[in-house]
Amino acid sequence: MKILAPGEVGRGILIEYDAGYVSPSENSKIIKEISDPDFDKEVEMYCVLQKYDTPNRNGRIYPEKILKREVQKYQDMIRRGSSISELNHPESSLIDLERTSHIITETFWDGIRLIGRLKLLTTPGYHKSGVVSSMGDIAANLLRQGVTLGISSRGVGSLKKNGQYNEVQDDFELICFDLVSSPSTPGSYLFKNLDDVDKYDEVLENHIRTNDTTMDKASNLMKRLDNFLSR
């Protein structure tokens, strides 16, 4: 199935591409959450998973009714312990177990924002001696080093032009929420304390990526990173 690029309509895999660059003028509080350096502790974070009726940097809008319906279905995956996701988006609608980095353990609504709690899938070697051997270990170590991580949805469905934006249609099926470096949904960054969610919200000022060249550059960057992490 084809991956729909920013600005493209039709049916395909809906990956919210990495934004590539976030201007300081858009958000003066880009966060760098450093996790507890104690390797013995599991790494749990909060994040803004998605927002309904809100344009993102890919020029897409997820209607309230559709997004809430899919989030309700997603609760079954959380209960089954199958709400896993990957580090970076793959070019597929399937979740690769070898590349899973985290699991969503809880979601709830705060206005238009879908808030989630996630746990990084770290290994015994990481907790015992800091050895990095899995995608969850890599994500945990990035946070430990002060790297900012974001979250971005992956699904399958159709897009239809609605004014200057592309609107997600009723056939949308949510798959997961992957970790990325610069999320397309404004304010979708990881943070440790739930009380701080408003501090890290982001204002998007007509910064919509519809240029195929920009998308190609972001896609190539993800491929290079995937190749590096697979060595």
C-alpha atoms as a PDB file:
ATOM      1  CA  MET A   1       0.000   0.000   0.000  1.00  0.00           C
ATOM      2  CA  LYS A   2       1.275   3.452  -0.926  1.00  0.00           C
ATOM      3  CA  ILE A   3       2.435   5.959   1.686  1.00  0.00           C
ATOM      4  CA  LEU A   4       0.632   9.272   1.178  1.00  0.00           C
ATOM      5  CA  ALA A   5       3.022  12.200   1.121  1.00  0.00           C
ATOM      6  CA  PRO A   6       2.228  15.592   2.694  1.00  0.00           C
ATOM      7  CA  GLY A   7      -0.203  17.412   0.398  1.00  0.00           C
ATOM      8  CA  GLU A   8      -1.307  14.191  -1.319  1.00  0.00           C
ATOM      9  CA  VAL A   9      -4.879  12.884  -1.249  1.00  0.00           C
ATOM     10  CA  GLY A  10      -6.322   9.419  -1.809  1.00  0.00           C
ATOM     11  CA  ARG A  11      -6.078   6.173   0.169  1.00  0.00           C
ATOM     12  CA  GLY A  12      -2.893   4.803   1.646  1.00  0.00           C
ATOM     13  CA  ILE A  13      -0.684   4.621   4.719  1.00  0.00           C
ATOM     14  CA  LEU A  14      -1.004   7.820   6.755  1.00  0.00           C
ATOM     15  CA  ILE A  15       2.369   8.472   8.333  1.00  0.00           C
ATOM     16  CA  GLU A  16       2.768  11.803  10.059  1.00  0.00           C
ATOM     17  CA  TYR A  17       6.210  12.561   8.709  1.00  0.00           C
ATOM     18  CA  ASP A  18       8.901  14.032  10.892  1.00  0.00           C
ATOM     19  CA  ALA A  19       8.609  17.815  10.696  1.00  0.00           C
ATOM     20  CA  GLY A  20      12.330  18.156  10.010  1.00  0.00           C
ATOM     21  CA  TYR A  21      12.638  21.614  11.555  1.00  0.00           C
ATOM     22  CA  VAL A  22      10.710  23.444  14.226  1.00  0.00           C
ATOM     23  CA  SER A  23      11.213  27.189  14.219  1.00  0.00           C
ATOM     24  CA  PRO A  24      11.948  28.777  17.614  1.00  0.00           C
ATOM     25  CA  SER A  25       9.366  31.414  16.721  1.00  0.00           C
ATOM     26  CA  GLU A  26       6.704  28.699  16.736  1.00  0.00           C
ATOM     27  CA  ASN A  27       7.601  27.324  20.122  1.00  0.00           C
ATOM     28  CA  SER A  28      10.010  28.861  22.595  1.00  0.00           C
ATOM     29  CA  LYS A  29       9.766  25.888  24.950  1.00  0.00           C
ATOM     30  CA  ILE A  30      11.001  22.907  22.948  1.00  0.00           C
ATOM     31  CA  ILE A  31      11.664  20.458  25.729  1.00  0.00           C
ATOM     32  CA  LYS A  32      14.627  18.326  26.671  1.00  0.00           C
ATOM     33  CA  GLU A  33      13.398  15.866  29.260  1.00  0.00           C
ATOM     34  CA  ILE A  34      16.275  13.999  30.891  1.00  0.00           C
ATOM     35  CA  SER A  35      15.174  10.744  32.409  1.00  0.00           C
ATOM     36  CA  ASP A  36      16.484   9.467  35.714  1.00  0.00           C
ATOM     37  CA  PRO A  37      20.029   8.201  35.031  1.00  0.00           C
ATOM     38  CA  ASP A  38      19.401   5.265  37.366  1.00  0.00           C
ATOM     39  CA  PHE A  39      19.441   2.299  34.966  1.00  0.00           C
ATOM     40  CA  ASP A  40      17.474   0.162  37.412  1.00  0.00           C
ATOM     41  CA  LYS A  41      14.279   2.154  36.901  1.00  0.00           C
ATOM     42  CA  GLU A  42      11.832   1.680  34.039  1.00  0.00           C
ATOM     43  CA  VAL A  43      11.467   4.748  31.857  1.00  0.00           C
ATOM     44  CA  GLU A  44       7.891   6.031  31.697  1.00  0.00           C
ATOM     45  CA  MET A  45       6.885   9.278  30.021  1.00  0.00           C
ATOM     46  CA  TYR A  46       3.778  11.246  29.046  1.00  0.00           C
ATOM     47  CA  CYS A  47       3.075  12.746  25.642  1.00  0.00           C
ATOM     48  CA  VAL A  48       0.466  14.445  23.485  1.00  0.00           C
ATOM     49  CA  LEU A  49      -0.359  11.637  21.049  1.00  0.00           C
ATOM     50  CA  GLN A  50      -2.675  13.544  18.702  1.00  0.00           C
ATOM     51  CA  LYS A  51      -5.066  16.500  18.446  1.00  0.00           C
ATOM     52  CA  TYR A  52      -8.399  16.519  16.700  1.00  0.00           C
ATOM     53  CA  ASP A  53      -9.606  19.284  14.353  1.00  0.00           C
ATOM     54  CA  THR A  54      -6.094  20.767  14.414  1.00  0.00           C
ATOM     55  CA  PRO A  55      -3.916  21.258  11.304  1.00  0.00           C
ATOM     56  CA  ASN A  56      -0.479  19.655  11.567  1.00  0.00           C
ATOM     57  CA  ARG A  57       2.744  20.301   9.703  1.00  0.00           C
ATOM     58  CA  ASN A  58       1.776  17.814   7.006  1.00  0.00           C
ATOM     59  CA  GLY A  59      -1.339  19.857   6.239  1.00  0.00           C
ATOM     60  CA  ARG A  60      -3.675  17.203   7.662  1.00  0.00           C
ATOM     61  CA  ILE A  61      -6.636  17.371  10.013  1.00  0.00           C
ATOM     62  CA  TYR A  62      -8.049  14.484  12.071  1.00  0.00           C
ATOM     63  CA  PRO A  63     -11.769  15.122  12.701  1.00  0.00           C
ATOM     64  CA  GLU A  64     -12.956  14.704  16.282  1.00  0.00           C
ATOM     65  CA  LYS A  65     -15.472  11.939  15.538  1.00  0.00           C
ATOM     66  CA  ILE A  66     -12.988   9.799  13.590  1.00  0.00           C
ATOM     67  CA  LEU A  67     -10.065  10.206  15.961  1.00  0.00           C
ATOM     68  CA  LYS A  68     -12.170   9.494  19.060  1.00  0.00           C
ATOM     69  CA  ARG A  69     -13.611   6.387  17.422  1.00  0.00           C
ATOM     70  CA  GLU A  70     -10.142   4.999  16.662  1.00  0.00           C
ATOM     71  CA  VAL A  71      -8.808   5.863  20.101  1.00  0.00           C
ATOM     72  CA  GLN A  72     -11.717   3.963  21.631  1.00  0.00           C
ATOM     73  CA  LYS A  73     -10.794   0.918  19.533  1.00  0.00           C
ATOM     74  CA  TYR A  74      -7.168   1.363  20.590  1.00  0.00           C
ATOM     75  CA  GLN A  75      -8.160   0.751  24.208  1.00  0.00           C
ATOM     76  CA  ASP A  76      -8.541  -2.961  23.383  1.00  0.00           C
ATOM     77  CA  MET A  77      -4.919  -3.035  22.248  1.00  0.00           C
ATOM     78  CA  ILE A  78      -3.835  -1.376  25.481  1.00  0.00           C
ATOM     79  CA  ARG A  79      -5.765  -3.930  27.529  1.00  0.00           C
ATOM     80  CA  ARG A  80      -4.227  -6.803  25.551  1.00  0.00           C
ATOM     81  CA  GLY A  81      -0.725  -5.417  25.930  1.00  0.00           C
ATOM     82  CA  SER A  82      -0.345  -5.086  22.160  1.00  0.00           C
ATOM     83  CA  SER A  83      -0.190  -1.270  21.935  1.00  0.00           C
ATOM     84  CA  ILE A  84       3.452  -1.332  20.829  1.00  0.00           C
ATOM     85  CA  SER A  85       5.159   1.107  18.453  1.00  0.00           C
ATOM     86  CA  GLU A  86       8.535   1.709  16.817  1.00  0.00           C
ATOM     87  CA  LEU A  87      11.474   4.106  16.972  1.00  0.00           C
ATOM     88  CA  ASN A  88      10.985   6.136  13.764  1.00  0.00           C
ATOM     89  CA  HIS A  89       8.298   5.429  11.177  1.00  0.00           C
ATOM     90  CA  PRO A  90       8.862   2.451   8.882  1.00  0.00           C
ATOM     91  CA  GLU A  91       7.579   2.441   5.302  1.00  0.00           C
ATOM     92  CA  SER A  92       4.940  -0.100   6.190  1.00  0.00           C
ATOM     93  CA  SER A  93       1.612  -0.460   7.933  1.00  0.00           C
ATOM     94  CA  LEU A  94       2.967  -3.438   9.898  1.00  0.00           C
ATOM     95  CA  ILE A  95       4.691  -3.160  13.281  1.00  0.00           C
ATOM     96  CA  ASP A  96       8.106  -4.838  13.275  1.00  0.00           C
ATOM     97  CA  LEU A  97       8.621  -6.592  16.626  1.00  0.00           C
ATOM     98  CA  GLU A  98      12.390  -6.288  16.289  1.00  0.00           C
ATOM     99  CA  ARG A  99      12.070  -2.506  16.068  1.00  0.00           C
ATOM    100  CA  THR A 100       9.571  -1.869  18.853  1.00  0.00           C
ATOM    101  CA  SER A 101      10.709   0.748  21.334  1.00  0.00           C
ATOM    102  CA  HIS A 102       7.752   1.437  23.616  1.00  0.00           C
ATOM    103  CA  ILE A 103       4.240   0.491  24.611  1.00  0.00           C
ATOM    104  CA  ILE A 104       1.306   2.833  25.275  1.00  0.00           C
ATOM    105  CA  THR A 105      -0.111   2.026  28.707  1.00  0.00           C
ATOM    106  CA  GLU A 106      -2.855   4.655  29.020  1.00  0.00           C
ATOM    107  CA  THR A 107      -4.672   7.354  27.036  1.00  0.00           C
ATOM    108  CA  PHE A 108      -7.141  10.064  28.015  1.00  0.00           C
ATOM    109  CA  TRP A 109      -8.581  13.245  26.542  1.00  0.00           C
ATOM    110  CA  ASP A 110      -7.719  16.769  27.655  1.00  0.00           C
ATOM    111  CA  GLY A 111      -9.805  19.036  25.442  1.00  0.00           C
ATOM    112  CA  ILE A 112      -8.665  18.513  21.848  1.00  0.00           C
ATOM    113  CA  ARG A 113      -5.474  16.786  23.028  1.00  0.00           C
ATOM    114  CA  LEU A 114      -5.093  13.036  23.326  1.00  0.00           C
ATOM    115  CA  ILE A 115      -2.680  12.462  26.202  1.00  0.00           C
ATOM    116  CA  GLY A 116      -0.828   9.192  26.492  1.00  0.00           C
ATOM    117  CA  ARG A 117       1.441   7.443  28.942  1.00  0.00           C
ATOM    118  CA  LEU A 118       4.135   5.185  27.547  1.00  0.00           C
ATOM    119  CA  LYS A 119       6.803   2.827  28.827  1.00  0.00           C
ATOM    120  CA  LEU A 120      10.047   2.272  26.965  1.00  0.00           C
ATOM    121  CA  LEU A 121      10.738  -1.397  26.233  1.00  0.00           C
ATOM    122  CA  THR A 122      14.222  -1.543  27.714  1.00  0.00           C
ATOM    123  CA  THR A 123      16.246  -4.726  28.206  1.00  0.00           C
ATOM    124  CA  PRO A 124      17.716  -6.358  31.339  1.00  0.00           C
ATOM    125  CA  GLY A 125      21.189  -5.492  30.026  1.00  0.00           C
ATOM    126  CA  TYR A 126      20.306  -1.810  29.950  1.00  0.00           C
ATOM    127  CA  HIS A 127      19.006  -1.864  33.512  1.00  0.00           C
ATOM    128  CA  LYS A 128      21.872  -3.959  34.812  1.00  0.00           C
ATOM    129  CA  SER A 129      24.822  -2.189  33.213  1.00  0.00           C
ATOM    130  CA  GLY A 130      23.592   0.401  30.708  1.00  0.00           C
ATOM    131  CA  VAL A 131      24.183  -1.818  27.672  1.00  0.00           C
ATOM    132  CA  VAL A 132      22.188  -0.560  24.664  1.00  0.00           C
ATOM    133  CA  SER A 133      20.898  -3.481  22.577  1.00  0.00           C
ATOM    134  CA  SER A 134      17.306  -2.680  21.576  1.00  0.00           C
ATOM    135  CA  MET A 135      15.265   0.194  20.173  1.00  0.00           C
ATOM    136  CA  GLY A 136      13.820   0.790  23.625  1.00  0.00           C
ATOM    137  CA  ASP A 137      17.363   1.024  25.023  1.00  0.00           C
ATOM    138  CA  ILE A 138      18.292   3.530  22.306  1.00  0.00           C
ATOM    139  CA  ALA A 139      15.255   5.700  23.085  1.00  0.00           C
ATOM    140  CA  ALA A 140      15.953   5.542  26.837  1.00  0.00           C
ATOM    141  CA  ASN A 141      19.587   6.479  26.328  1.00  0.00           C
ATOM    142  CA  LEU A 142      18.645   9.393  24.059  1.00  0.00           C
ATOM    143  CA  LEU A 143      16.369  10.753  26.777  1.00  0.00           C
ATOM    144  CA  ARG A 144      19.074  10.188  29.384  1.00  0.00           C
ATOM    145  CA  GLN A 145      21.424  12.295  27.280  1.00  0.00           C
ATOM    146  CA  GLY A 146      18.879  15.107  27.097  1.00  0.00           C
ATOM    147  CA  VAL A 147      17.631  14.520  23.543  1.00  0.00           C
ATOM    148  CA  THR A 148      14.114  15.737  22.745  1.00  0.00           C
ATOM    149  CA  LEU A 149      11.811  13.003  21.426  1.00  0.00           C
ATOM    150  CA  GLY A 150       8.368  13.382  19.938  1.00  0.00           C
ATOM    151  CA  ILE A 151       5.510  11.064  19.047  1.00  0.00           C
ATOM    152  CA  SER A 152       3.694  10.637  15.747  1.00  0.00           C
ATOM    153  CA  SER A 153       0.748   8.516  14.630  1.00  0.00           C
ATOM    154  CA  ARG A 154       0.663   5.845  11.929  1.00  0.00           C
ATOM    155  CA  GLY A 155      -2.507   4.571  10.287  1.00  0.00           C
ATOM    156  CA  VAL A 156      -4.243   3.552   7.082  1.00  0.00           C
ATOM    157  CA  GLY A 157      -7.003   5.487   5.377  1.00  0.00           C
ATOM    158  CA  SER A 158      -8.005   8.162   2.883  1.00  0.00           C
ATOM    159  CA  LEU A 159      -7.388  11.885   2.662  1.00  0.00           C
ATOM    160  CA  LYS A 160      -9.691  14.363   0.971  1.00  0.00           C
ATOM    161  CA  LYS A 161      -9.021  18.011   0.223  1.00  0.00           C
ATOM    162  CA  ASN A 162     -10.991  20.375   2.456  1.00  0.00           C
ATOM    163  CA  GLY A 163     -10.015  23.989   1.854  1.00  0.00           C
ATOM    164  CA  GLN A 164      -6.263  24.368   2.300  1.00  0.00           C
ATOM    165  CA  TYR A 165      -5.965  21.166   4.342  1.00  0.00           C
ATOM    166  CA  ASN A 166      -6.318  17.435   3.726  1.00  0.00           C
ATOM    167  CA  GLU A 167      -8.945  15.859   5.965  1.00  0.00           C
ATOM    168  CA  VAL A 168      -8.726  12.287   7.222  1.00  0.00           C
ATOM    169  CA  GLN A 169     -11.763  10.302   6.063  1.00  0.00           C
ATOM    170  CA  ASP A 170     -14.079   7.824   7.787  1.00  0.00           C
ATOM    171  CA  ASP A 171     -12.122   4.765   6.597  1.00  0.00           C
ATOM    172  CA  PHE A 172      -9.125   5.720   8.770  1.00  0.00           C
ATOM    173  CA  GLU A 173      -7.673   2.937  10.938  1.00  0.00           C
ATOM    174  CA  LEU A 174      -5.176   3.836  13.673  1.00  0.00           C
ATOM    175  CA  ILE A 175      -2.162   1.531  13.921  1.00  0.00           C
ATOM    176  CA  CYS A 176       0.236   2.994  16.480  1.00  0.00           C
ATOM    177  CA  PHE A 177       2.217   5.987  17.726  1.00  0.00           C
ATOM    178  CA  ASP A 178       5.913   5.967  16.777  1.00  0.00           C
ATOM    179  CA  LEU A 179       8.768   7.922  18.350  1.00  0.00           C
ATOM    180  CA  VAL A 180      10.268  10.648  16.122  1.00  0.00           C
ATOM    181  CA  SER A 181      12.619  13.597  16.463  1.00  0.00           C
ATOM    182  CA  SER A 182      10.307  16.420  15.293  1.00  0.00           C
ATOM    183  CA  PRO A 183       6.589  15.544  15.378  1.00  0.00           C
ATOM    184  CA  SER A 184       4.123  16.957  12.874  1.00  0.00           C
ATOM    185  CA  THR A 185       1.382  17.406  15.493  1.00  0.00           C
ATOM    186  CA  PRO A 186       2.105  20.624  17.403  1.00  0.00           C
ATOM    187  CA  GLY A 187       3.289  19.965  20.937  1.00  0.00           C
ATOM    188  CA  SER A 188       3.623  16.175  20.601  1.00  0.00           C
ATOM    189  CA  TYR A 189       6.773  15.817  22.685  1.00  0.00           C
ATOM    190  CA  LEU A 190       7.618  13.497  25.563  1.00  0.00           C
ATOM    191  CA  PHE A 191       7.637  14.885  29.105  1.00  0.00           C
ATOM    192  CA  LYS A 192       7.943  13.368  32.562  1.00  0.00           C
ATOM    193  CA  ASN A 193       5.423  15.245  34.692  1.00  0.00           C
ATOM    194  CA  LEU A 194       1.770  15.277  33.664  1.00  0.00           C
ATOM    195  CA  ASP A 195       1.226  18.594  35.441  1.00  0.00           C
ATOM    196  CA  ASP A 196       3.619  20.210  32.953  1.00  0.00           C
ATOM    197  CA  VAL A 197       1.631  19.396  29.810  1.00  0.00           C
ATOM    198  CA  ASP A 198       0.549  23.010  29.245  1.00  0.00           C
ATOM    199  CA  LYS A 199       4.124  24.271  29.541  1.00  0.00           C
ATOM    200  CA  TYR A 200       5.144  22.205  26.542  1.00  0.00           C
ATOM    201  CA  ASP A 201       2.217  22.908  24.241  1.00  0.00           C
ATOM    202  CA  GLU A 202       3.123  24.346  20.871  1.00  0.00           C
ATOM    203  CA  VAL A 203       1.689  27.041  18.640  1.00  0.00           C
ATOM    204  CA  LEU A 204       1.679  26.267  14.941  1.00  0.00           C
ATOM    205  CA  GLU A 205       1.725  29.343  12.731  1.00  0.00           C
ATOM    206  CA  ASN A 206       0.807  28.208   9.220  1.00  0.00           C
ATOM    207  CA  HIS A 207       3.896  26.004   9.040  1.00  0.00           C
ATOM    208  CA  ILE A 208       2.539  23.265   6.756  1.00  0.00           C
ATOM    209  CA  ARG A 209       4.808  20.968   4.823  1.00  0.00           C
ATOM    210  CA  THR A 210       3.337  20.274   1.411  1.00  0.00           C
ATOM    211  CA  ASN A 211       6.554  20.233  -0.582  1.00  0.00           C
ATOM    212  CA  ASP A 212       7.440  16.788  -1.938  1.00  0.00           C
ATOM    213  CA  THR A 213      11.156  17.644  -1.930  1.00  0.00           C
ATOM    214  CA  THR A 214      11.024  18.379   1.794  1.00  0.00           C
ATOM    215  CA  MET A 215       9.181  15.104   2.372  1.00  0.00           C
ATOM    216  CA  ASP A 216      11.769  13.190   0.355  1.00  0.00           C
ATOM    217  CA  LYS A 217      14.597  14.697   2.392  1.00  0.00           C
ATOM    218  CA  ALA A 218      12.904  13.704   5.649  1.00  0.00           C
ATOM    219  CA  SER A 219      12.225  10.202   4.324  1.00  0.00           C
ATOM    220  CA  ASN A 220      15.842   9.776   3.216  1.00  0.00           C
ATOM    221  CA  LEU A 221      17.045  10.965   6.604  1.00  0.00           C
ATOM    222  CA  MET A 222      14.891   8.353   8.340  1.00  0.00           C
ATOM    223  CA  LYS A 223      16.241   5.649   6.019  1.00  0.00           C
ATOM    224  CA  ARG A 224      19.830   6.597   6.831  1.00  0.00           C
ATOM    225  CA  LEU A 225      19.094   6.548  10.542  1.00  0.00           C
ATOM    226  CA  ASP A 226      17.384   3.159  10.234  1.00  0.00           C
ATOM    227  CA  ASN A 227      20.401   1.763   8.387  1.00  0.00           C
ATOM    228  CA  PHE A 228      22.724   3.098  11.059  1.00  0.00           C
ATOM    229  CA  LEU A 229      20.658   1.647  13.916  1.00  0.00           C
ATOM    230  CA  SER A 230      20.465  -1.733  12.148  1.00  0.00           C
ATOM    231  CA  ARG A 231      24.245  -2.188  12.056  1.00  0.00           C
END
